[in-house]
Amino acid sequence: MTEESIYEEQRKVYIREKKEKVEAAINVIMREINCMGGERDVGVAVRDKILGDHPTLQQRFFADVLVPIIKGYADNPYTDARNEASHDKAKELMTLLEEAYFPFI
């Protein structure tokens, strides 16, 4: 194995492990949202945690997490009455966000 292939294999493992951690965290959030009556509390908790973090991380979260989520909503080909409003609003938001620049400071 070459040094490059070892690096590439390590990178794949790192990405897979990171993806698994993020999926586990999102599963917790989605389960909490699914509990009737607690939806707003989840949003407030996520907001407060993010806004209490370092400004650079806040910016990265917005640019690297929220914008791709909004884009995914806008591009989602499967909509019905349950997600149509979020799909439509995401399309509107993307007209503002497509050209947005979020510097890494």
Protein backbone atom coordinates (compact mmCIF):
# COMPACT_ATOMS: atom_id res chain seq x y z
CA MET A 1 0.00 0.00 0.00
CA THR A 2 1.28 3.41 -0.87
CA GLU A 3 1.31 6.32 1.53
CA GLU A 4 -1.37 7.99 -0.59
CA SER A 5 -3.66 4.96 -0.50
CA ILE A 6 -3.22 4.65 3.28
CA TYR A 7 -4.17 8.31 3.65
CA GLU A 8 -7.19 7.83 1.39
CA GLU A 9 -8.35 4.80 3.37
CA GLN A 10 -7.95 6.69 6.67
CA ARG A 11 -9.92 9.59 5.22
CA LYS A 12 -12.77 7.25 4.20
CA VAL A 13 -12.90 5.84 7.74
CA TYR A 14 -12.88 9.36 9.20
CA ILE A 15 -15.72 10.48 6.92
CA ARG A 16 -17.77 7.36 7.65
CA GLU A 17 -17.34 7.79 11.41
CA LYS A 18 -18.22 11.49 11.23
CA LYS A 19 -21.32 10.71 9.17
CA GLU A 20 -22.41 8.08 11.71
CA LYS A 21 -22.02 10.58 14.59
CA VAL A 22 -23.99 13.26 12.76
CA GLU A 23 -26.74 10.80 11.82
CA ALA A 24 -27.00 9.69 15.46
CA ALA A 25 -27.30 13.32 16.62
CA ILE A 26 -29.93 14.09 13.98
CA ASN A 27 -31.87 10.96 14.99
CA VAL A 28 -32.02 12.27 18.57
CA ILE A 29 -33.28 15.66 17.36
CA MET A 30 -35.88 14.07 15.05
CA ARG A 31 -37.16 11.78 17.84
CA GLU A 32 -37.55 14.80 20.11
CA ILE A 33 -39.39 16.73 17.39
CA ASN A 34 -41.69 13.75 16.93
CA CYS A 35 -42.82 13.99 20.58
CA MET A 36 -46.08 15.90 20.47
CA GLY A 37 -45.81 19.32 22.06
CA GLY A 38 -42.04 19.57 22.25
CA GLU A 39 -41.23 20.70 18.73
CA ARG A 40 -40.63 24.37 19.57
CA ASP A 41 -38.50 23.46 22.58
CA VAL A 42 -36.16 21.49 20.31
CA GLY A 43 -35.77 24.44 17.95
CA VAL A 44 -35.08 26.80 20.84
CA ALA A 45 -32.50 24.41 22.33
CA VAL A 46 -30.69 24.00 18.99
CA ARG A 47 -30.79 27.76 18.39
CA ASP A 48 -29.49 28.60 21.86
CA LYS A 49 -26.65 26.07 21.60
CA ILE A 50 -25.53 27.36 18.23
CA LEU A 51 -25.83 31.04 19.14
CA GLY A 52 -23.88 30.37 22.34
CA ASP A 53 -20.98 28.98 20.35
CA HIS A 54 -18.05 30.80 18.74
CA PRO A 55 -19.05 33.26 15.97
CA THR A 56 -16.92 31.42 13.40
CA LEU A 57 -18.73 28.17 14.21
CA GLN A 58 -22.07 29.97 13.97
CA GLN A 59 -21.11 31.19 10.50
CA ARG A 60 -19.88 27.74 9.43
CA PHE A 61 -23.07 26.13 10.76
CA PHE A 62 -25.19 28.54 8.74
CA ALA A 63 -23.13 28.20 5.55
CA ASP A 64 -22.24 24.50 5.74
CA VAL A 65 -25.32 23.03 7.45
CA LEU A 66 -28.36 25.29 7.16
CA VAL A 67 -27.87 26.44 3.56
CA PRO A 68 -27.44 22.87 2.23
CA ILE A 69 -30.51 21.78 4.20
CA ILE A 70 -32.55 24.63 2.74
CA LYS A 71 -31.24 23.76 -0.73
CA GLY A 72 -32.24 20.14 -0.17
CA TYR A 73 -35.74 21.19 0.79
CA ALA A 74 -35.96 23.43 -2.31
CA ASP A 75 -34.70 20.67 -4.63
CA ASN A 76 -36.76 17.86 -3.08
CA PRO A 77 -38.84 16.34 -5.89
CA TYR A 78 -41.21 14.62 -3.45
CA THR A 79 -43.68 17.01 -1.88
CA ASP A 80 -47.22 16.68 -0.67
CA ALA A 81 -49.44 18.62 1.73
CA ARG A 82 -47.22 17.62 4.68
CA ASN A 83 -44.05 19.31 3.41
CA GLU A 84 -45.25 21.60 0.62
CA ALA A 85 -45.03 24.82 2.66
CA SER A 86 -41.42 24.18 3.72
CA HIS A 87 -40.52 23.20 0.16
CA ASP A 88 -42.02 26.41 -1.26
CA LYS A 89 -40.42 28.64 1.39
CA ALA A 90 -37.05 26.96 0.83
CA LYS A 91 -37.28 27.79 -2.88
CA GLU A 92 -37.88 31.44 -1.97
CA LEU A 93 -34.97 31.46 0.46
CA MET A 94 -32.62 29.93 -2.09
CA THR A 95 -33.10 32.95 -4.35
CA LEU A 96 -31.38 34.94 -1.57
CA LEU A 97 -28.85 32.30 -0.54
CA GLU A 98 -27.53 31.10 -3.91
CA GLU A 99 -25.36 34.16 -4.34
CA ALA A 100 -24.56 34.63 -0.65
CA TYR A 101 -20.96 34.62 0.51
CA PHE A 102 -20.10 33.51 4.03
CA PRO A 103 -16.42 34.23 4.76
CA PHE A 104 -14.43 31.92 6.99
CA ILE A 105 -12.91 34.34 9.48
